[in-house]
Amino acid sequence: EGRANLKESFGDIIDGEAWLVDCHISPYGHGNINNHEPTRRRKLLLHKREIGRLIGRVNERGMTLVPMKMYFARGRAKVEIGVGKGKKFHDRREELKKRAANREIERALRERNRG
């Protein structure tokens, strides 16, 4: 089926292993009660050298692992991850203001087009 949601998900290094946290992958539609839990932690398969490189980057202040893209190939979920800085609080507020303004503009345009 290949339905997944990467919103709010992130990568984490725990005991020298890379994990994908809070990623929602829908259960198999034709499965039964033994299907997997949709938001469980998933282990990322990486070479030891790659994990070491990621540990070095994530230990820098404010850096985190971010899933960029996910696709399914031969029954496996492939995830492209990157290292990035989290948003600052004021950046989030600005984005919320922009979204609210865009919503108001869209609403006004819709009402203008109706009548």
PDB file of N, CA and C in Angstrom:
ATOM      1  N   GLU A   1       0.820  -1.179   0.000  1.00  0.00           N
ATOM      2  CA  GLU A   1       0.000   0.000   0.000  1.00  0.00           C
ATOM      3  C   GLU A   1       0.869   1.251   0.000  1.00  0.00           C
ATOM      4  N   GLY A   2       1.919   1.274   0.811  1.00  0.00           N
ATOM      5  CA  GLY A   2       2.884   2.362   0.763  1.00  0.00           C
ATOM      6  C   GLY A   2       2.390   3.695   1.279  1.00  0.00           C
ATOM      7  N   ARG A   3       1.645   3.715   2.380  1.00  0.00           N
ATOM      8  CA  ARG A   3       1.202   4.985   2.942  1.00  0.00           C
ATOM      9  C   ARG A   3       1.993   5.267   4.208  1.00  0.00           C
ATOM     10  N   ALA A   4       2.645   6.428   4.220  1.00  0.00           N
ATOM     11  CA  ALA A   4       3.450   6.810   5.380  1.00  0.00           C
ATOM     12  C   ALA A   4       3.351   8.311   5.589  1.00  0.00           C
ATOM     13  N   ASN A   5       3.615   8.750   6.812  1.00  0.00           N
ATOM     14  CA  ASN A   5       3.578  10.164   7.147  1.00  0.00           C
ATOM     15  C   ASN A   5       4.835  10.507   7.944  1.00  0.00           C
ATOM     16  N   LEU A   6       5.640  11.407   7.412  1.00  0.00           N
ATOM     17  CA  LEU A   6       6.893  11.793   8.066  1.00  0.00           C
ATOM     18  C   LEU A   6       6.753  13.031   8.944  1.00  0.00           C
ATOM     19  N   LYS A   7       5.570  13.633   8.988  1.00  0.00           N
ATOM     20  CA  LYS A   7       5.398  14.835   9.811  1.00  0.00           C
ATOM     21  C   LYS A   7       5.682  14.514  11.268  1.00  0.00           C
ATOM     22  N   GLU A   8       6.360  15.424  11.929  1.00  0.00           N
ATOM     23  CA  GLU A   8       6.698  15.298  13.351  1.00  0.00           C
ATOM     24  C   GLU A   8       7.663  14.143  13.648  1.00  0.00           C
ATOM     25  N   SER A   9       8.195  13.483  12.640  1.00  0.00           N
ATOM     26  CA  SER A   9       9.128  12.384  12.908  1.00  0.00           C
ATOM     27  C   SER A   9      10.563  12.910  12.904  1.00  0.00           C
ATOM     28  N   PHE A  10      11.448  12.165  13.537  1.00  0.00           N
ATOM     29  CA  PHE A  10      12.849  12.552  13.620  1.00  0.00           C
ATOM     30  C   PHE A  10      13.691  11.306  13.819  1.00  0.00           C
ATOM     31  N   GLY A  11      14.985  11.436  13.609  1.00  0.00           N
ATOM     32  CA  GLY A  11      15.906  10.336  13.828  1.00  0.00           C
ATOM     33  C   GLY A  11      16.596  10.494  15.174  1.00  0.00           C
ATOM     34  N   ASP A  12      17.029   9.382  15.741  1.00  0.00           N
ATOM     35  CA  ASP A  12      17.696   9.412  17.040  1.00  0.00           C
ATOM     36  C   ASP A  12      18.761   8.323  17.065  1.00  0.00           C
ATOM     37  N   ILE A  13      19.862   8.574  17.761  1.00  0.00           N
ATOM     38  CA  ILE A  13      20.915   7.577  17.934  1.00  0.00           C
ATOM     39  C   ILE A  13      20.820   7.075  19.370  1.00  0.00           C
ATOM     40  N   ILE A  14      20.509   5.782  19.538  1.00  0.00           N
ATOM     41  CA  ILE A  14      20.367   5.184  20.864  1.00  0.00           C
ATOM     42  C   ILE A  14      21.272   3.958  20.929  1.00  0.00           C
ATOM     43  N   ASP A  15      22.205   3.956  21.871  1.00  0.00           N
ATOM     44  CA  ASP A  15      23.148   2.845  22.058  1.00  0.00           C
ATOM     45  C   ASP A  15      23.873   2.474  20.767  1.00  0.00           C
ATOM     46  N   GLY A  16      24.300   3.476  20.019  1.00  0.00           N
ATOM     47  CA  GLY A  16      25.049   3.227  18.797  1.00  0.00           C
ATOM     48  C   GLY A  16      24.211   2.717  17.640  1.00  0.00           C
ATOM     49  N   GLU A  17      22.891   2.812  17.737  1.00  0.00           N
ATOM     50  CA  GLU A  17      22.000   2.393  16.656  1.00  0.00           C
ATOM     51  C   GLU A  17      21.139   3.580  16.243  1.00  0.00           C
ATOM     52  N   ALA A  18      20.840   3.671  14.953  1.00  0.00           N
ATOM     53  CA  ALA A  18      20.005   4.759  14.446  1.00  0.00           C
ATOM     54  C   ALA A  18      18.547   4.312  14.418  1.00  0.00           C
ATOM     55  N   TRP A  19      17.649   5.175  14.903  1.00  0.00           N
ATOM     56  CA  TRP A  19      16.224   4.867  14.969  1.00  0.00           C
ATOM     57  C   TRP A  19      15.420   5.999  14.354  1.00  0.00           C
ATOM     58  N   LEU A  20      14.302   5.641  13.744  1.00  0.00           N
ATOM     59  CA  LEU A  20      13.337   6.610  13.244  1.00  0.00           C
ATOM     60  C   LEU A  20      12.170   6.629  14.229  1.00  0.00           C
ATOM     61  N   VAL A  21      11.870   7.809  14.778  1.00  0.00           N
ATOM     62  CA  VAL A  21      10.880   7.933  15.849  1.00  0.00           C
ATOM     63  C   VAL A  21       9.678   8.739  15.349  1.00  0.00           C
ATOM     64  N   ASP A  22       8.483   8.331  15.765  1.00  0.00           N
ATOM     65  CA  ASP A  22       7.218   9.026  15.466  1.00  0.00           C
ATOM     66  C   ASP A  22       6.863   9.066  13.988  1.00  0.00           C
ATOM     67  N   CYS A  23       7.343   8.146  13.212  1.00  0.00           N
ATOM     68  CA  CYS A  23       6.952   8.042  11.809  1.00  0.00           C
ATOM     69  C   CYS A  23       5.736   7.119  11.731  1.00  0.00           C
ATOM     70  N   HIS A  24       4.703   7.551  11.040  1.00  0.00           N
ATOM     71  CA  HIS A  24       3.478   6.751  10.941  1.00  0.00           C
ATOM     72  C   HIS A  24       3.477   6.004   9.609  1.00  0.00           C
ATOM     73  N   ILE A  25       3.526   4.670   9.671  1.00  0.00           N
ATOM     74  CA  ILE A  25       3.389   3.824   8.485  1.00  0.00           C
ATOM     75  C   ILE A  25       2.120   3.012   8.677  1.00  0.00           C
ATOM     76  N   SER A  26       1.174   3.168   7.757  1.00  0.00           N
ATOM     77  CA  SER A  26      -0.125   2.502   7.893  1.00  0.00           C
ATOM     78  C   SER A  26       0.031   0.993   7.872  1.00  0.00           C
ATOM     79  N   PRO A  27      -0.790   0.280   8.665  1.00  0.00           N
ATOM     80  CA  PRO A  27      -0.731  -1.182   8.667  1.00  0.00           C
ATOM     81  C   PRO A  27      -1.202  -1.748   7.331  1.00  0.00           C
ATOM     82  N   TYR A  28      -0.787  -2.959   7.059  1.00  0.00           N
ATOM     83  CA  TYR A  28      -1.172  -3.645   5.834  1.00  0.00           C
ATOM     84  C   TYR A  28      -2.682  -3.840   5.836  1.00  0.00           C
ATOM     85  N   GLY A  29      -3.339  -3.425   4.778  1.00  0.00           N
ATOM     86  CA  GLY A  29      -4.795  -3.440   4.713  1.00  0.00           C
ATOM     87  C   GLY A  29      -5.417  -4.812   4.821  1.00  0.00           C
ATOM     88  N   HIS A  30      -4.759  -5.829   4.277  1.00  0.00           N
ATOM     89  CA  HIS A  30      -5.307  -7.184   4.289  1.00  0.00           C
ATOM     90  C   HIS A  30      -4.770  -8.004   5.452  1.00  0.00           C
ATOM     91  N   GLY A  31      -4.094  -7.338   6.392  1.00  0.00           N
ATOM     92  CA  GLY A  31      -3.528  -8.043   7.540  1.00  0.00           C
ATOM     93  C   GLY A  31      -4.586  -8.344   8.585  1.00  0.00           C
ATOM     94  N   ASN A  32      -4.130  -8.839   9.712  1.00  0.00           N
ATOM     95  CA  ASN A  32      -5.054  -9.173  10.795  1.00  0.00           C
ATOM     96  C   ASN A  32      -4.636  -8.442  12.068  1.00  0.00           C
ATOM     97  N   ILE A  33      -5.031  -8.961  13.197  1.00  0.00           N
ATOM     98  CA  ILE A  33      -4.751  -8.304  14.478  1.00  0.00           C
ATOM     99  C   ILE A  33      -3.249  -8.265  14.789  1.00  0.00           C
ATOM    100  N   ASN A  34      -2.458  -9.086  14.137  1.00  0.00           N
ATOM    101  CA  ASN A  34      -1.020  -9.141  14.398  1.00  0.00           C
ATOM    102  C   ASN A  34      -0.227  -8.119  13.586  1.00  0.00           C
ATOM    103  N   ASN A  35      -0.898  -7.155  12.946  1.00  0.00           N
ATOM    104  CA  ASN A  35      -0.196  -6.100  12.218  1.00  0.00           C
ATOM    105  C   ASN A  35       0.677  -5.291  13.169  1.00  0.00           C
ATOM    106  N   HIS A  36       1.661  -4.595  12.607  1.00  0.00           N
ATOM    107  CA  HIS A  36       2.555  -3.778  13.430  1.00  0.00           C
ATOM    108  C   HIS A  36       1.835  -2.524  13.927  1.00  0.00           C
ATOM    109  N   GLU A  37       2.376  -1.947  14.978  1.00  0.00           N
ATOM    110  CA  GLU A  37       1.842  -0.684  15.487  1.00  0.00           C
ATOM    111  C   GLU A  37       2.298   0.436  14.546  1.00  0.00           C
ATOM    112  N   PRO A  38       1.405   1.306  14.093  1.00  0.00           N
ATOM    113  CA  PRO A  38       1.754   2.286  13.056  1.00  0.00           C
ATOM    114  C   PRO A  38       2.858   3.273  13.436  1.00  0.00           C
ATOM    115  N   THR A  39       2.955   3.685  14.703  1.00  0.00           N
ATOM    116  CA  THR A  39       3.935   4.719  15.057  1.00  0.00           C
ATOM    117  C   THR A  39       5.093   4.196  15.897  1.00  0.00           C
ATOM    118  N   ARG A  40       5.389   2.924  15.830  1.00  0.00           N
ATOM    119  CA  ARG A  40       6.486   2.386  16.640  1.00  0.00           C
ATOM    120  C   ARG A  40       7.833   2.901  16.130  1.00  0.00           C
ATOM    121  N   ARG A  41       8.856   2.820  16.992  1.00  0.00           N
ATOM    122  CA  ARG A  41      10.209   3.191  16.564  1.00  0.00           C
ATOM    123  C   ARG A  41      10.692   2.171  15.548  1.00  0.00           C
ATOM    124  N   ARG A  42      11.400   2.641  14.540  1.00  0.00           N
ATOM    125  CA  ARG A  42      11.920   1.738  13.516  1.00  0.00           C
ATOM    126  C   ARG A  42      13.428   1.908  13.414  1.00  0.00           C
ATOM    127  N   LYS A  43      14.118   0.785  13.387  1.00  0.00           N
ATOM    128  CA  LYS A  43      15.571   0.806  13.314  1.00  0.00           C
ATOM    129  C   LYS A  43      15.997   1.119  11.883  1.00  0.00           C
ATOM    130  N   LEU A  44      16.976   2.014  11.757  1.00  0.00           N
ATOM    131  CA  LEU A  44      17.516   2.358  10.448  1.00  0.00           C
ATOM    132  C   LEU A  44      18.758   1.515  10.204  1.00  0.00           C
ATOM    133  N   LEU A  45      18.830   0.897   9.066  1.00  0.00           N
ATOM    134  CA  LEU A  45      19.977   0.055   8.738  1.00  0.00           C
ATOM    135  C   LEU A  45      21.054   0.911   8.079  1.00  0.00           C
ATOM    136  N   LEU A  46      22.131   1.142   8.818  1.00  0.00           N
ATOM    137  CA  LEU A  46      23.243   1.954   8.343  1.00  0.00           C
ATOM    138  C   LEU A  46      24.552   1.237   8.638  1.00  0.00           C
ATOM    139  N   HIS A  47      25.588   1.578   7.883  1.00  0.00           N
ATOM    140  CA  HIS A  47      26.917   1.057   8.174  1.00  0.00           C
ATOM    141  C   HIS A  47      27.442   1.725   9.444  1.00  0.00           C
ATOM    142  N   LYS A  48      28.319   1.035  10.162  1.00  0.00           N
ATOM    143  CA  LYS A  48      28.876   1.552  11.411  1.00  0.00           C
ATOM    144  C   LYS A  48      29.566   2.901  11.187  1.00  0.00           C
ATOM    145  N   ARG A  49      30.236   3.031  10.067  1.00  0.00           N
ATOM    146  CA  ARG A  49      30.937   4.276   9.749  1.00  0.00           C
ATOM    147  C   ARG A  49      29.932   5.428   9.554  1.00  0.00           C
ATOM    148  N   GLU A  50      28.799   5.127   8.908  1.00  0.00           N
ATOM    149  CA  GLU A  50      27.766   6.150   8.713  1.00  0.00           C
ATOM    150  C   GLU A  50      27.169   6.589  10.050  1.00  0.00           C
ATOM    151  N   ILE A  51      26.925   5.624  10.935  1.00  0.00           N
ATOM    152  CA  ILE A  51      26.375   5.945  12.251  1.00  0.00           C
ATOM    153  C   ILE A  51      27.364   6.809  13.028  1.00  0.00           C
ATOM    154  N   GLY A  52      28.659   6.474  12.958  1.00  0.00           N
ATOM    155  CA  GLY A  52      29.683   7.274  13.635  1.00  0.00           C
ATOM    156  C   GLY A  52      29.704   8.703  13.129  1.00  0.00           C
ATOM    157  N   ARG A  53      29.566   8.879  11.830  1.00  0.00           N
ATOM    158  CA  ARG A  53      29.544  10.212  11.241  1.00  0.00           C
ATOM    159  C   ARG A  53      28.311  10.990  11.728  1.00  0.00           C
ATOM    160  N   LEU A  54      27.169  10.297  11.782  1.00  0.00           N
ATOM    161  CA  LEU A  54      25.939  10.952  12.247  1.00  0.00           C
ATOM    162  C   LEU A  54      26.032  11.331  13.724  1.00  0.00           C
ATOM    163  N   ILE A  55      26.644  10.457  14.534  1.00  0.00           N
ATOM    164  CA  ILE A  55      26.810  10.761  15.960  1.00  0.00           C
ATOM    165  C   ILE A  55      27.626  12.039  16.121  1.00  0.00           C
ATOM    166  N   GLY A  56      28.693  12.160  15.339  1.00  0.00           N
ATOM    167  CA  GLY A  56      29.519  13.366  15.407  1.00  0.00           C
ATOM    168  C   GLY A  56      28.743  14.621  15.061  1.00  0.00           C
ATOM    169  N   ARG A  57      27.886  14.539  14.053  1.00  0.00           N
ATOM    170  CA  ARG A  57      27.110  15.711  13.631  1.00  0.00           C
ATOM    171  C   ARG A  57      25.988  16.037  14.616  1.00  0.00           C
ATOM    172  N   VAL A  58      25.328  15.002  15.155  1.00  0.00           N
ATOM    173  CA  VAL A  58      24.186  15.226  16.048  1.00  0.00           C
ATOM    174  C   VAL A  58      24.643  15.762  17.399  1.00  0.00           C
ATOM    175  N   ASN A  59      25.862  15.418  17.817  1.00  0.00           N
ATOM    176  CA  ASN A  59      26.358  15.902  19.106  1.00  0.00           C
ATOM    177  C   ASN A  59      26.670  17.394  19.088  1.00  0.00           C
ATOM    178  N   GLU A  60      26.750  18.005  17.893  1.00  0.00           N
ATOM    179  CA  GLU A  60      26.900  19.452  17.822  1.00  0.00           C
ATOM    180  C   GLU A  60      25.618  20.076  18.367  1.00  0.00           C
ATOM    181  N   ARG A  61      25.752  21.242  18.955  1.00  0.00           N
ATOM    182  CA  ARG A  61      24.609  21.866  19.625  1.00  0.00           C
ATOM    183  C   ARG A  61      23.484  22.198  18.637  1.00  0.00           C
ATOM    184  N   GLY A  62      22.294  21.724  18.952  1.00  0.00           N
ATOM    185  CA  GLY A  62      21.109  22.081  18.178  1.00  0.00           C
ATOM    186  C   GLY A  62      20.887  21.282  16.911  1.00  0.00           C
ATOM    187  N   MET A  63      21.712  20.281  16.638  1.00  0.00           N
ATOM    188  CA  MET A  63      21.562  19.507  15.405  1.00  0.00           C
ATOM    189  C   MET A  63      20.703  18.277  15.668  1.00  0.00           C
ATOM    190  N   THR A  64      19.940  17.875  14.661  1.00  0.00           N
ATOM    191  CA  THR A  64      19.072  16.707  14.797  1.00  0.00           C
ATOM    192  C   THR A  64      18.968  15.974  13.464  1.00  0.00           C
ATOM    193  N   LEU A  65      18.566  14.712  13.520  1.00  0.00           N
ATOM    194  CA  LEU A  65      18.362  13.925  12.305  1.00  0.00           C
ATOM    195  C   LEU A  65      16.937  14.149  11.814  1.00  0.00           C
ATOM    196  N   VAL A  66      16.811  14.473  10.538  1.00  0.00           N
ATOM    197  CA  VAL A  66      15.503  14.787   9.964  1.00  0.00           C
ATOM    198  C   VAL A  66      15.259  13.872   8.770  1.00  0.00           C
ATOM    199  N   PRO A  67      14.141  13.129   8.759  1.00  0.00           N
ATOM    200  CA  PRO A  67      13.819  12.330   7.571  1.00  0.00           C
ATOM    201  C   PRO A  67      13.350  13.250   6.449  1.00  0.00           C
ATOM    202  N   MET A  68      13.991  13.158   5.296  1.00  0.00           N
ATOM    203  CA  MET A  68      13.683  14.047   4.179  1.00  0.00           C
ATOM    204  C   MET A  68      12.669  13.427   3.219  1.00  0.00           C
ATOM    205  N   LYS A  69      12.843  12.145   2.956  1.00  0.00           N
ATOM    206  CA  LYS A  69      12.018  11.490   1.945  1.00  0.00           C
ATOM    207  C   LYS A  69      11.895  10.022   2.300  1.00  0.00           C
ATOM    208  N   MET A  70      10.742   9.432   1.997  1.00  0.00           N
ATOM    209  CA  MET A  70      10.538   8.004   2.233  1.00  0.00           C
ATOM    210  C   MET A  70       9.885   7.395   1.004  1.00  0.00           C
ATOM    211  N   TYR A  71      10.371   6.226   0.624  1.00  0.00           N
ATOM    212  CA  TYR A  71       9.749   5.500  -0.478  1.00  0.00           C
ATOM    213  C   TYR A  71       9.853   4.016  -0.195  1.00  0.00           C
ATOM    214  N   PHE A  72       9.052   3.235  -0.880  1.00  0.00           N
ATOM    215  CA  PHE A  72       9.019   1.797  -0.668  1.00  0.00           C
ATOM    216  C   PHE A  72       9.628   1.097  -1.876  1.00  0.00           C
ATOM    217  N   ALA A  73      10.524   0.145  -1.610  1.00  0.00           N
ATOM    218  CA  ALA A  73      11.161  -0.623  -2.675  1.00  0.00           C
ATOM    219  C   ALA A  73      11.312  -2.064  -2.211  1.00  0.00           C
ATOM    220  N   ARG A  74      10.770  -2.976  -2.973  1.00  0.00           N
ATOM    221  CA  ARG A  74      10.839  -4.415  -2.675  1.00  0.00           C
ATOM    222  C   ARG A  74      10.377  -4.728  -1.254  1.00  0.00           C
ATOM    223  N   GLY A  75       9.291  -4.123  -0.824  1.00  0.00           N
ATOM    224  CA  GLY A  75       8.716  -4.431   0.478  1.00  0.00           C
ATOM    225  C   GLY A  75       9.406  -3.775   1.658  1.00  0.00           C
ATOM    226  N   ARG A  76      10.376  -2.922   1.401  1.00  0.00           N
ATOM    227  CA  ARG A  76      11.071  -2.232   2.483  1.00  0.00           C
ATOM    228  C   ARG A  76      10.862  -0.727   2.354  1.00  0.00           C
ATOM    229  N   ALA A  77      10.806  -0.064   3.491  1.00  0.00           N
ATOM    230  CA  ALA A  77      10.696   1.397   3.500  1.00  0.00           C
ATOM    231  C   ALA A  77      12.106   1.973   3.491  1.00  0.00           C
ATOM    232  N   LYS A  78      12.403   2.794   2.512  1.00  0.00           N
ATOM    233  CA  LYS A  78      13.704   3.454   2.413  1.00  0.00           C
ATOM    234  C   LYS A  78      13.527   4.902   2.852  1.00  0.00           C
ATOM    235  N   VAL A  79      14.418   5.365   3.728  1.00  0.00           N
ATOM    236  CA  VAL A  79      14.308   6.721   4.264  1.00  0.00           C
ATOM    237  C   VAL A  79      15.586   7.481   3.963  1.00  0.00           C
ATOM    238  N   GLU A  80      15.422   8.670   3.403  1.00  0.00           N
ATOM    239  CA  GLU A  80      16.549   9.558   3.170  1.00  0.00           C
ATOM    240  C   GLU A  80      16.595  10.513   4.359  1.00  0.00           C
ATOM    241  N   ILE A  81      17.716  10.520   5.095  1.00  0.00           N
ATOM    242  CA  ILE A  81      17.798  11.376   6.278  1.00  0.00           C
ATOM    243  C   ILE A  81      18.843  12.461   6.075  1.00  0.00           C
ATOM    244  N   GLY A  82      18.653  13.562   6.775  1.00  0.00           N
ATOM    245  CA  GLY A  82      19.590  14.669   6.734  1.00  0.00           C
ATOM    246  C   GLY A  82      19.834  15.170   8.145  1.00  0.00           C
ATOM    247  N   VAL A  83      20.858  15.988   8.296  1.00  0.00           N
ATOM    248  CA  VAL A  83      21.157  16.583   9.594  1.00  0.00           C
ATOM    249  C   VAL A  83      20.827  18.065   9.488  1.00  0.00           C
ATOM    250  N   GLY A  84      20.008  18.555  10.418  1.00  0.00           N
ATOM    251  CA  GLY A  84      19.605  19.958  10.360  1.00  0.00           C
ATOM    252  C   GLY A  84      19.386  20.532  11.736  1.00  0.00           C
ATOM    253  N   LYS A  85      19.229  21.847  11.772  1.00  0.00           N
ATOM    254  CA  LYS A  85      18.953  22.539  13.024  1.00  0.00           C
ATOM    255  C   LYS A  85      17.457  22.657  13.198  1.00  0.00           C
ATOM    256  N   GLY A  86      17.003  22.558  14.431  1.00  0.00           N
ATOM    257  CA  GLY A  86      15.588  22.747  14.722  1.00  0.00           C
ATOM    258  C   GLY A  86      15.209  24.212  14.586  1.00  0.00           C
ATOM    259  N   LYS A  87      13.922  24.478  14.436  1.00  0.00           N
ATOM    260  CA  LYS A  87      13.459  25.858  14.318  1.00  0.00           C
ATOM    261  C   LYS A  87      13.497  26.543  15.679  1.00  0.00           C
ATOM    262  N   LYS A  88      13.815  27.801  15.655  1.00  0.00           N
ATOM    263  CA  LYS A  88      13.754  28.614  16.865  1.00  0.00           C
ATOM    264  C   LYS A  88      12.293  28.964  17.135  1.00  0.00           C
ATOM    265  N   PHE A  89      12.008  29.371  18.365  1.00  0.00           N
ATOM    266  CA  PHE A  89      10.628  29.668  18.747  1.00  0.00           C
ATOM    267  C   PHE A  89      10.058  30.819  17.922  1.00  0.00           C
ATOM    268  N   HIS A  90      10.873  31.870  17.690  1.00  0.00           N
ATOM    269  CA  HIS A  90      10.350  33.008  16.928  1.00  0.00           C
ATOM    270  C   HIS A  90      10.107  32.630  15.468  1.00  0.00           C
ATOM    271  N   ASP A  91      10.886  31.684  14.913  1.00  0.00           N
ATOM    272  CA  ASP A  91      10.643  31.211  13.552  1.00  0.00           C
ATOM    273  C   ASP A  91       9.288  30.522  13.465  1.00  0.00           C
ATOM    274  N   ARG A  92       8.953  29.740  14.468  1.00  0.00           N
ATOM    275  CA  ARG A  92       7.669  29.045  14.483  1.00  0.00           C
ATOM    276  C   ARG A  92       6.521  30.041  14.528  1.00  0.00           C
ATOM    277  N   ARG A  93       6.684  31.076  15.355  1.00  0.00           N
ATOM    278  CA  ARG A  93       5.624  32.092  15.460  1.00  0.00           C
ATOM    279  C   ARG A  93       5.419  32.798  14.128  1.00  0.00           C
ATOM    280  N   GLU A  94       6.523  33.138  13.452  1.00  0.00           N
ATOM    281  CA  GLU A  94       6.417  33.803  12.149  1.00  0.00           C
ATOM    282  C   GLU A  94       5.688  32.912  11.155  1.00  0.00           C
ATOM    283  N   GLU A  95       6.020  31.629  11.166  1.00  0.00           N
ATOM    284  CA  GLU A  95       5.374  30.704  10.236  1.00  0.00           C
ATOM    285  C   GLU A  95       3.879  30.592  10.526  1.00  0.00           C
ATOM    286  N   LEU A  96       3.502  30.557  11.798  1.00  0.00           N
ATOM    287  CA  LEU A  96       2.079  30.506  12.151  1.00  0.00           C
ATOM    288  C   LEU A  96       1.354  31.768  11.687  1.00  0.00           C
ATOM    289  N   LYS A  97       1.997  32.929  11.832  1.00  0.00           N
ATOM    290  CA  LYS A  97       1.384  34.175  11.363  1.00  0.00           C
ATOM    291  C   LYS A  97       1.192  34.146   9.850  1.00  0.00           C
ATOM    292  N   LYS A  98       2.205  33.667   9.121  1.00  0.00           N
ATOM    293  CA  LYS A  98       2.097  33.595   7.657  1.00  0.00           C
ATOM    294  C   LYS A  98       0.967  32.665   7.242  1.00  0.00           C
ATOM    295  N   ARG A  99       0.870  31.512   7.898  1.00  0.00           N
ATOM    296  CA  ARG A  99      -0.202  30.566   7.579  1.00  0.00           C
ATOM    297  C   ARG A  99      -1.574  31.180   7.817  1.00  0.00           C
ATOM    298  N   ALA A 100      -1.728  31.865   8.950  1.00  0.00           N
ATOM    299  CA  ALA A 100      -3.014  32.492   9.266  1.00  0.00           C
ATOM    300  C   ALA A 100      -3.357  33.561   8.229  1.00  0.00           C
ATOM    301  N   ALA A 101      -2.372  34.356   7.832  1.00  0.00           N
ATOM    302  CA  ALA A 101      -2.608  35.392   6.828  1.00  0.00           C
ATOM    303  C   ALA A 101      -3.009  34.767   5.493  1.00  0.00           C
ATOM    304  N   ASN A 102      -2.310  33.705   5.089  1.00  0.00           N
ATOM    305  CA  ASN A 102      -2.648  33.032   3.827  1.00  0.00           C
ATOM    306  C   ASN A 102      -4.052  32.451   3.872  1.00  0.00           C
ATOM    307  N   ARG A 103      -4.440  31.903   5.022  1.00  0.00           N
ATOM    308  CA  ARG A 103      -5.788  31.356   5.170  1.00  0.00           C
ATOM    309  C   ARG A 103      -6.840  32.453   5.007  1.00  0.00           C
ATOM    310  N   GLU A 104      -6.581  33.617   5.617  1.00  0.00           N
ATOM    311  CA  GLU A 104      -7.514  34.739   5.490  1.00  0.00           C
ATOM    312  C   GLU A 104      -7.641  35.183   4.036  1.00  0.00           C
ATOM    313  N   ILE A 105      -6.518  35.250   3.330  1.00  0.00           N
ATOM    314  CA  ILE A 105      -6.535  35.649   1.920  1.00  0.00           C
ATOM    315  C   ILE A 105      -7.333  34.648   1.099  1.00  0.00           C
ATOM    316  N   GLU A 106      -7.077  33.363   1.311  1.00  0.00           N
ATOM    317  CA  GLU A 106      -7.813  32.320   0.579  1.00  0.00           C
ATOM    318  C   GLU A 106      -9.306  32.416   0.860  1.00  0.00           C
ATOM    319  N   ARG A 107      -9.674  32.617   2.112  1.00  0.00           N
ATOM    320  CA  ARG A 107     -11.089  32.716   2.490  1.00  0.00           C
ATOM    321  C   ARG A 107     -11.738  33.913   1.799  1.00  0.00           C
ATOM    322  N   ALA A 108     -11.044  35.058   1.796  1.00  0.00           N
ATOM    323  CA  ALA A 108     -11.589  36.257   1.164  1.00  0.00           C
ATOM    324  C   ALA A 108     -11.762  36.047  -0.338  1.00  0.00           C
ATOM    325  N   LEU A 109     -10.792  35.410  -0.979  1.00  0.00           N
ATOM    326  CA  LEU A 109     -10.892  35.151  -2.420  1.00  0.00           C
ATOM    327  C   LEU A 109     -12.050  34.213  -2.730  1.00  0.00           C
ATOM    328  N   ARG A 110     -12.224  33.194  -1.911  1.00  0.00           N
ATOM    329  CA  ARG A 110     -13.330  32.254  -2.134  1.00  0.00           C
ATOM    330  C   ARG A 110     -14.676  32.955  -2.018  1.00  0.00           C
ATOM    331  N   GLU A 111     -14.818  33.779  -0.984  1.00  0.00           N
ATOM    332  CA  GLU A 111     -16.085  34.489  -0.787  1.00  0.00           C
ATOM    333  C   GLU A 111     -16.332  35.493  -1.903  1.00  0.00           C
ATOM    334  N   ARG A 112     -15.282  36.132  -2.396  1.00  0.00           N
ATOM    335  CA  ARG A 112     -15.419  37.090  -3.490  1.00  0.00           C
ATOM    336  C   ARG A 112     -15.846  36.389  -4.777  1.00  0.00           C
ATOM    337  N   ASN A 113     -15.304  35.193  -5.013  1.00  0.00           N
ATOM    338  CA  ASN A 113     -15.638  34.445  -6.227  1.00  0.00           C
ATOM    339  C   ASN A 113     -17.047  33.875  -6.181  1.00  0.00           C
ATOM    340  N   ARG A 114     -17.569  33.641  -4.987  1.00  0.00           N
ATOM    341  CA  ARG A 114     -18.911  33.063  -4.858  1.00  0.00           C
ATOM    342  C   ARG A 114     -20.002  34.061  -5.221  1.00  0.00           C
ATOM    343  N   GLY A 115     -19.836  35.274  -4.825  1.00  0.00           N
ATOM    344  CA  GLY A 115     -20.969  36.143  -5.066  1.00  0.00           C
ATOM    345  C   GLY A 115     -20.613  37.548  -5.063  1.00  0.00           C
TER     346      GLY A 115
END
